[in-house]
Amino acid sequence: MQCKLCRREAEKDGDLCRYHSAARDALKRGHEGWKQAYSGLSWRDYLNRVKALDETGQWIKEVITLEEASSVDKKLG
C-alpha cells in the first residue's frame, strides 16, 4: 500500500509512509504542549498556527493538509 501523501511505501499498520507518520506523531505531541501554553488551544487552531510558521517543514504541512481535509470530510459525512 502507498502513503496517502506520496508514493512511498506506507507503514504496515498505517496509511502513511514512515516520514509522514513521524510528522503526524510530532504534530500530535506538539499539540499537547501548545494546549498548555495557550490555554486549551484547539486542534484546528494549532494546525493553522503551525502551518503558518516559516520553520514548518514540508512533511508537516502535507500532514496538516490531510488533517484539514479529514475534518471537513467528517463534517460533511
PDB file of N, CA and C in Angstrom:
ATOM      1  N   MET A   1       0.837  -1.182   0.000  1.00  0.00           N
ATOM      2  CA  MET A   1       0.000   0.000   0.000  1.00  0.00           C
ATOM      3  C   MET A   1       0.885   1.250   0.000  1.00  0.00           C
ATOM      4  N   GLN A   2       0.419   2.276  -0.665  1.00  0.00           N
ATOM      5  CA  GLN A   2       1.206   3.511  -0.740  1.00  0.00           C
ATOM      6  C   GLN A   2       0.691   4.546   0.251  1.00  0.00           C
ATOM      7  N   CYS A   3       1.591   5.426   0.632  1.00  0.00           N
ATOM      8  CA  CYS A   3       1.280   6.549   1.507  1.00  0.00           C
ATOM      9  C   CYS A   3       0.206   7.412   0.849  1.00  0.00           C
ATOM     10  N   LYS A   4      -0.722   7.931   1.639  1.00  0.00           N
ATOM     11  CA  LYS A   4      -1.767   8.809   1.129  1.00  0.00           C
ATOM     12  C   LYS A   4      -1.217  10.114   0.567  1.00  0.00           C
ATOM     13  N   LEU A   5      -0.005  10.478   0.978  1.00  0.00           N
ATOM     14  CA  LEU A   5       0.537  11.779   0.618  1.00  0.00           C
ATOM     15  C   LEU A   5       1.690  11.732  -0.380  1.00  0.00           C
ATOM     16  N   CYS A   6       2.242  10.574  -0.576  1.00  0.00           N
ATOM     17  CA  CYS A   6       3.360  10.449  -1.524  1.00  0.00           C
ATOM     18  C   CYS A   6       3.358   9.022  -2.074  1.00  0.00           C
ATOM     19  N   ARG A   7       4.315   8.684  -2.845  1.00  0.00           N
ATOM     20  CA  ARG A   7       4.350   7.344  -3.460  1.00  0.00           C
ATOM     21  C   ARG A   7       5.199   6.343  -2.686  1.00  0.00           C
ATOM     22  N   ARG A   8       5.662   6.751  -1.528  1.00  0.00           N
ATOM     23  CA  ARG A   8       6.456   5.819  -0.728  1.00  0.00           C
ATOM     24  C   ARG A   8       5.558   4.714  -0.171  1.00  0.00           C
ATOM     25  N   GLU A   9       6.213   3.647   0.221  1.00  0.00           N
ATOM     26  CA  GLU A   9       5.513   2.530   0.842  1.00  0.00           C
ATOM     27  C   GLU A   9       4.962   2.972   2.201  1.00  0.00           C
ATOM     28  N   ALA A  10       3.681   2.683   2.445  1.00  0.00           N
ATOM     29  CA  ALA A  10       3.065   3.006   3.729  1.00  0.00           C
ATOM     30  C   ALA A  10       3.538   2.023   4.787  1.00  0.00           C
ATOM     31  N   GLU A  11       3.536   2.463   6.021  1.00  0.00           N
ATOM     32  CA  GLU A  11       3.884   1.568   7.115  1.00  0.00           C
ATOM     33  C   GLU A  11       2.852   0.448   7.191  1.00  0.00           C
ATOM     34  N   LYS A  12       3.267  -0.677   7.694  1.00  0.00           N
ATOM     35  CA  LYS A  12       2.401  -1.859   7.721  1.00  0.00           C
ATOM     36  C   LYS A  12       1.107  -1.626   8.483  1.00  0.00           C
ATOM     37  N   ASP A  13       1.161  -0.831   9.527  1.00  0.00           N
ATOM     38  CA  ASP A  13      -0.030  -0.629  10.365  1.00  0.00           C
ATOM     39  C   ASP A  13      -0.712   0.716  10.117  1.00  0.00           C
ATOM     40  N   GLY A  14      -0.411   1.367   8.985  1.00  0.00           N
ATOM     41  CA  GLY A  14      -0.995   2.679   8.757  1.00  0.00           C
ATOM     42  C   GLY A  14      -1.196   3.007   7.297  1.00  0.00           C
ATOM     43  N   ASP A  15      -1.554   4.260   7.068  1.00  0.00           N
ATOM     44  CA  ASP A  15      -1.826   4.721   5.723  1.00  0.00           C
ATOM     45  C   ASP A  15      -0.817   5.770   5.240  1.00  0.00           C
ATOM     46  N   LEU A  16       0.227   5.975   6.046  1.00  0.00           N
ATOM     47  CA  LEU A  16       1.265   6.939   5.700  1.00  0.00           C
ATOM     48  C   LEU A  16       2.635   6.269   5.703  1.00  0.00           C
ATOM     49  N   CYS A  17       3.565   6.848   4.951  1.00  0.00           N
ATOM     50  CA  CYS A  17       4.951   6.369   4.980  1.00  0.00           C
ATOM     51  C   CYS A  17       5.580   6.738   6.323  1.00  0.00           C
ATOM     52  N   ARG A  18       6.763   6.238   6.555  1.00  0.00           N
ATOM     53  CA  ARG A  18       7.393   6.493   7.853  1.00  0.00           C
ATOM     54  C   ARG A  18       7.658   7.970   8.084  1.00  0.00           C
ATOM     55  N   TYR A  19       7.918   8.734   7.031  1.00  0.00           N
ATOM     56  CA  TYR A  19       8.206  10.167   7.177  1.00  0.00           C
ATOM     57  C   TYR A  19       6.946  10.956   7.527  1.00  0.00           C
ATOM     58  N   HIS A  20       5.867  10.696   6.822  1.00  0.00           N
ATOM     59  CA  HIS A  20       4.615  11.399   7.114  1.00  0.00           C
ATOM     60  C   HIS A  20       4.014  10.910   8.441  1.00  0.00           C
ATOM     61  N   SER A  21       4.213   9.650   8.756  1.00  0.00           N
ATOM     62  CA  SER A  21       3.749   9.120  10.030  1.00  0.00           C
ATOM     63  C   SER A  21       4.491   9.789  11.190  1.00  0.00           C
ATOM     64  N   ALA A  22       5.796   9.955  11.044  1.00  0.00           N
ATOM     65  CA  ALA A  22       6.588  10.638  12.074  1.00  0.00           C
ATOM     66  C   ALA A  22       6.153  12.098  12.197  1.00  0.00           C
ATOM     67  N   ALA A  23       5.831  12.730  11.071  1.00  0.00           N
ATOM     68  CA  ALA A  23       5.360  14.117  11.098  1.00  0.00           C
ATOM     69  C   ALA A  23       4.028  14.212  11.835  1.00  0.00           C
ATOM     70  N   ARG A  24       3.117  13.271  11.571  1.00  0.00           N
ATOM     71  CA  ARG A  24       1.822  13.271  12.264  1.00  0.00           C
ATOM     72  C   ARG A  24       2.006  13.055  13.762  1.00  0.00           C
ATOM     73  N   ASP A  25       2.901  12.141  14.128  1.00  0.00           N
ATOM     74  CA  ASP A  25       3.170  11.897  15.549  1.00  0.00           C
ATOM     75  C   ASP A  25       3.739  13.142  16.219  1.00  0.00           C
ATOM     76  N   ALA A  26       4.643  13.826  15.528  1.00  0.00           N
ATOM     77  CA  ALA A  26       5.229  15.053  16.072  1.00  0.00           C
ATOM     78  C   ALA A  26       4.167  16.139  16.242  1.00  0.00           C
ATOM     79  N   LEU A  27       3.257  16.238  15.300  1.00  0.00           N
ATOM     80  CA  LEU A  27       2.160  17.209  15.420  1.00  0.00           C
ATOM     81  C   LEU A  27       1.317  16.926  16.657  1.00  0.00           C
ATOM     82  N   LYS A  28       0.980  15.668  16.850  1.00  0.00           N
ATOM     83  CA  LYS A  28       0.148  15.296  17.994  1.00  0.00           C
ATOM     84  C   LYS A  28       0.857  15.569  19.315  1.00  0.00           C
ATOM     85  N   ARG A  29       2.146  15.244  19.385  1.00  0.00           N
ATOM     86  CA  ARG A  29       2.918  15.520  20.603  1.00  0.00           C
ATOM     87  C   ARG A  29       3.012  17.025  20.843  1.00  0.00           C
ATOM     88  N   GLY A  30       3.246  17.768  19.789  1.00  0.00           N
ATOM     89  CA  GLY A  30       3.374  19.215  19.908  1.00  0.00           C
ATOM     90  C   GLY A  30       2.099  19.880  20.379  1.00  0.00           C
ATOM     91  N   HIS A  31       0.975  19.340  19.976  1.00  0.00           N
ATOM     92  CA  HIS A  31      -0.305  19.937  20.376  1.00  0.00           C
ATOM     93  C   HIS A  31      -0.488  19.918  21.881  1.00  0.00           C
ATOM     94  N   GLU A  32      -0.025  18.869  22.525  1.00  0.00           N
ATOM     95  CA  GLU A  32      -0.151  18.780  23.982  1.00  0.00           C
ATOM     96  C   GLU A  32       0.548  19.958  24.668  1.00  0.00           C
ATOM     97  N   GLY A  33       1.753  20.257  24.246  1.00  0.00           N
ATOM     98  CA  GLY A  33       2.489  21.375  24.823  1.00  0.00           C
ATOM     99  C   GLY A  33       1.844  22.717  24.513  1.00  0.00           C
ATOM    100  N   TRP A  34       1.392  22.873  23.292  1.00  0.00           N
ATOM    101  CA  TRP A  34       0.754  24.130  22.887  1.00  0.00           C
ATOM    102  C   TRP A  34      -0.564  24.339  23.630  1.00  0.00           C
ATOM    103  N   LYS A  35      -1.306  23.264  23.888  1.00  0.00           N
ATOM    104  CA  LYS A  35      -2.571  23.388  24.628  1.00  0.00           C
ATOM    105  C   LYS A  35      -2.327  23.964  26.015  1.00  0.00           C
ATOM    106  N   GLN A  36      -1.248  23.535  26.634  1.00  0.00           N
ATOM    107  CA  GLN A  36      -0.921  24.045  27.965  1.00  0.00           C
ATOM    108  C   GLN A  36      -0.447  25.494  27.897  1.00  0.00           C
ATOM    109  N   ALA A  37       0.365  25.793  26.915  1.00  0.00           N
ATOM    110  CA  ALA A  37       0.918  27.139  26.789  1.00  0.00           C
ATOM    111  C   ALA A  37      -0.130  28.162  26.350  1.00  0.00           C
ATOM    112  N   TYR A  38      -1.093  27.728  25.550  1.00  0.00           N
ATOM    113  CA  TYR A  38      -2.099  28.641  25.008  1.00  0.00           C
ATOM    114  C   TYR A  38      -3.503  28.328  25.517  1.00  0.00           C
ATOM    115  N   SER A  39      -3.607  27.909  26.745  1.00  0.00           N
ATOM    116  CA  SER A  39      -4.888  27.698  27.430  1.00  0.00           C
ATOM    117  C   SER A  39      -5.929  26.944  26.597  1.00  0.00           C
ATOM    118  N   GLY A  40      -5.638  25.704  26.305  1.00  0.00           N
ATOM    119  CA  GLY A  40      -6.620  24.855  25.653  1.00  0.00           C
ATOM    120  C   GLY A  40      -6.796  25.102  24.164  1.00  0.00           C
ATOM    121  N   LEU A  41      -5.733  25.452  23.489  1.00  0.00           N
ATOM    122  CA  LEU A  41      -5.760  25.695  22.046  1.00  0.00           C
ATOM    123  C   LEU A  41      -6.369  24.506  21.311  1.00  0.00           C
ATOM    124  N   SER A  42      -7.335  24.762  20.444  1.00  0.00           N
ATOM    125  CA  SER A  42      -8.000  23.672  19.723  1.00  0.00           C
ATOM    126  C   SER A  42      -7.049  23.072  18.687  1.00  0.00           C
ATOM    127  N   TRP A  43      -7.366  21.856  18.266  1.00  0.00           N
ATOM    128  CA  TRP A  43      -6.570  21.156  17.256  1.00  0.00           C
ATOM    129  C   TRP A  43      -6.514  21.976  15.975  1.00  0.00           C
ATOM    130  N   ARG A  44      -7.658  22.484  15.528  1.00  0.00           N
ATOM    131  CA  ARG A  44      -7.728  23.252  14.287  1.00  0.00           C
ATOM    132  C   ARG A  44      -6.886  24.536  14.379  1.00  0.00           C
ATOM    133  N   ASP A  45      -6.992  25.262  15.495  1.00  0.00           N
ATOM    134  CA  ASP A  45      -6.195  26.487  15.667  1.00  0.00           C
ATOM    135  C   ASP A  45      -4.704  26.171  15.710  1.00  0.00           C
ATOM    136  N   TYR A  46      -4.381  25.082  16.378  1.00  0.00           N
ATOM    137  CA  TYR A  46      -2.983  24.642  16.438  1.00  0.00           C
ATOM    138  C   TYR A  46      -2.451  24.360  15.038  1.00  0.00           C
ATOM    139  N   LEU A  47      -3.218  23.611  14.244  1.00  0.00           N
ATOM    140  CA  LEU A  47      -2.785  23.304  12.881  1.00  0.00           C
ATOM    141  C   LEU A  47      -2.585  24.580  12.067  1.00  0.00           C
ATOM    142  N   ASN A  48      -3.492  25.518  12.192  1.00  0.00           N
ATOM    143  CA  ASN A  48      -3.369  26.785  11.463  1.00  0.00           C
ATOM    144  C   ASN A  48      -2.116  27.552  11.862  1.00  0.00           C
ATOM    145  N   ARG A  49      -1.824  27.577  13.154  1.00  0.00           N
ATOM    146  CA  ARG A  49      -0.634  28.302  13.628  1.00  0.00           C
ATOM    147  C   ARG A  49       0.655  27.630  13.158  1.00  0.00           C
ATOM    148  N   VAL A  50       0.699  26.313  13.264  1.00  0.00           N
ATOM    149  CA  VAL A  50       1.901  25.585  12.852  1.00  0.00           C
ATOM    150  C   VAL A  50       2.116  25.720  11.345  1.00  0.00           C
ATOM    151  N   LYS A  51       1.043  25.618  10.583  1.00  0.00           N
ATOM    152  CA  LYS A  51       1.133  25.724   9.129  1.00  0.00           C
ATOM    153  C   LYS A  51       1.666  27.091   8.696  1.00  0.00           C
ATOM    154  N   ALA A  52       1.342  28.127   9.450  1.00  0.00           N
ATOM    155  CA  ALA A  52       1.744  29.487   9.102  1.00  0.00           C
ATOM    156  C   ALA A  52       3.213  29.789   9.434  1.00  0.00           C
ATOM    157  N   LEU A  53       3.840  28.955  10.248  1.00  0.00           N
ATOM    158  CA  LEU A  53       5.232  29.190  10.634  1.00  0.00           C
ATOM    159  C   LEU A  53       6.177  28.934   9.466  1.00  0.00           C
ATOM    160  N   ASP A  54       7.115  29.834   9.256  1.00  0.00           N
ATOM    161  CA  ASP A  54       8.116  29.657   8.203  1.00  0.00           C
ATOM    162  C   ASP A  54       8.977  28.421   8.460  1.00  0.00           C
ATOM    163  N   GLU A  55       9.156  28.077   9.718  1.00  0.00           N
ATOM    164  CA  GLU A  55      10.027  26.964  10.088  1.00  0.00           C
ATOM    165  C   GLU A  55       9.388  25.597   9.874  1.00  0.00           C
ATOM    166  N   THR A  56       8.090  25.564   9.625  1.00  0.00           N
ATOM    167  CA  THR A  56       7.385  24.294   9.469  1.00  0.00           C
ATOM    168  C   THR A  56       7.804  23.610   8.178  1.00  0.00           C
ATOM    169  N   GLY A  57       8.172  22.354   8.292  1.00  0.00           N
ATOM    170  CA  GLY A  57       8.662  21.590   7.151  1.00  0.00           C
ATOM    171  C   GLY A  57       7.560  21.095   6.226  1.00  0.00           C
ATOM    172  N   GLN A  58       7.972  20.644   5.077  1.00  0.00           N
ATOM    173  CA  GLN A  58       7.032  20.200   4.040  1.00  0.00           C
ATOM    174  C   GLN A  58       6.196  19.004   4.477  1.00  0.00           C
ATOM    175  N   TRP A  59       6.818  18.013   5.130  1.00  0.00           N
ATOM    176  CA  TRP A  59       6.063  16.831   5.545  1.00  0.00           C
ATOM    177  C   TRP A  59       4.984  17.199   6.559  1.00  0.00           C
ATOM    178  N   ILE A  60       5.321  18.084   7.484  1.00  0.00           N
ATOM    179  CA  ILE A  60       4.337  18.545   8.468  1.00  0.00           C
ATOM    180  C   ILE A  60       3.190  19.260   7.753  1.00  0.00           C
ATOM    181  N   LYS A  61       3.524  20.135   6.819  1.00  0.00           N
ATOM    182  CA  LYS A  61       2.477  20.867   6.090  1.00  0.00           C
ATOM    183  C   LYS A  61       1.578  19.921   5.300  1.00  0.00           C
ATOM    184  N   GLU A  62       2.153  18.896   4.721  1.00  0.00           N
ATOM    185  CA  GLU A  62       1.354  17.919   3.987  1.00  0.00           C
ATOM    186  C   GLU A  62       0.413  17.164   4.918  1.00  0.00           C
ATOM    187  N   VAL A  63       0.892  16.803   6.091  1.00  0.00           N
ATOM    188  CA  VAL A  63       0.049  16.117   7.072  1.00  0.00           C
ATOM    189  C   VAL A  63      -1.062  17.054   7.556  1.00  0.00           C
ATOM    190  N   ILE A  64      -0.742  18.323   7.758  1.00  0.00           N
ATOM    191  CA  ILE A  64      -1.764  19.288   8.179  1.00  0.00           C
ATOM    192  C   ILE A  64      -2.860  19.380   7.122  1.00  0.00           C
ATOM    193  N   THR A  65      -2.480  19.429   5.858  1.00  0.00           N
ATOM    194  CA  THR A  65      -3.462  19.481   4.778  1.00  0.00           C
ATOM    195  C   THR A  65      -4.363  18.248   4.810  1.00  0.00           C
ATOM    196  N   LEU A  66      -3.777  17.087   5.049  1.00  0.00           N
ATOM    197  CA  LEU A  66      -4.550  15.852   5.160  1.00  0.00           C
ATOM    198  C   LEU A  66      -5.497  15.912   6.356  1.00  0.00           C
ATOM    199  N   GLU A  67      -5.015  16.385   7.494  1.00  0.00           N
ATOM    200  CA  GLU A  67      -5.848  16.500   8.696  1.00  0.00           C
ATOM    201  C   GLU A  67      -7.007  17.467   8.469  1.00  0.00           C
ATOM    202  N   GLU A  68      -6.738  18.580   7.794  1.00  0.00           N
ATOM    203  CA  GLU A  68      -7.789  19.543   7.497  1.00  0.00           C
ATOM    204  C   GLU A  68      -8.851  18.929   6.590  1.00  0.00           C
ATOM    205  N   ALA A  69      -8.420  18.200   5.570  1.00  0.00           N
ATOM    206  CA  ALA A  69      -9.359  17.550   4.656  1.00  0.00           C
ATOM    207  C   ALA A  69     -10.168  16.480   5.397  1.00  0.00           C
ATOM    208  N   SER A  70      -9.525  15.783   6.293  1.00  0.00           N
ATOM    209  CA  SER A  70     -10.202  14.744   7.070  1.00  0.00           C
ATOM    210  C   SER A  70     -11.286  15.350   7.943  1.00  0.00           C
ATOM    211  N   SER A  71     -11.017  16.489   8.568  1.00  0.00           N
ATOM    212  CA  SER A  71     -12.012  17.111   9.440  1.00  0.00           C
ATOM    213  C   SER A  71     -13.191  17.643   8.612  1.00  0.00           C
ATOM    214  N   VAL A  72     -12.935  18.098   7.396  1.00  0.00           N
ATOM    215  CA  VAL A  72     -14.019  18.549   6.518  1.00  0.00           C
ATOM    216  C   VAL A  72     -14.875  17.356   6.111  1.00  0.00           C
ATOM    217  N   ASP A  73     -14.237  16.245   5.771  1.00  0.00           N
ATOM    218  CA  ASP A  73     -14.971  15.033   5.391  1.00  0.00           C
ATOM    219  C   ASP A  73     -15.858  14.546   6.528  1.00  0.00           C
ATOM    220  N   LYS A  74     -15.367  14.627   7.766  1.00  0.00           N
ATOM    221  CA  LYS A  74     -16.160  14.186   8.922  1.00  0.00           C
ATOM    222  C   LYS A  74     -17.386  15.058   9.093  1.00  0.00           C
ATOM    223  N   LYS A  75     -17.245  16.375   8.852  1.00  0.00           N
ATOM    224  CA  LYS A  75     -18.383  17.281   8.994  1.00  0.00           C
ATOM    225  C   LYS A  75     -19.421  17.037   7.901  1.00  0.00           C
ATOM    226  N   LEU A  76     -18.951  16.714   6.693  1.00  0.00           N
ATOM    227  CA  LEU A  76     -19.873  16.502   5.575  1.00  0.00           C
ATOM    228  C   LEU A  76     -20.531  15.130   5.630  1.00  0.00           C
ATOM    229  N   GLY A  77     -19.818  14.185   6.231  1.00  0.00           N
ATOM    230  CA  GLY A  77     -20.308  12.803   6.251  1.00  0.00           C
ATOM    231  C   GLY A  77     -21.212  12.572   7.362  1.00  0.00           C
TER     232      GLY A  77
END
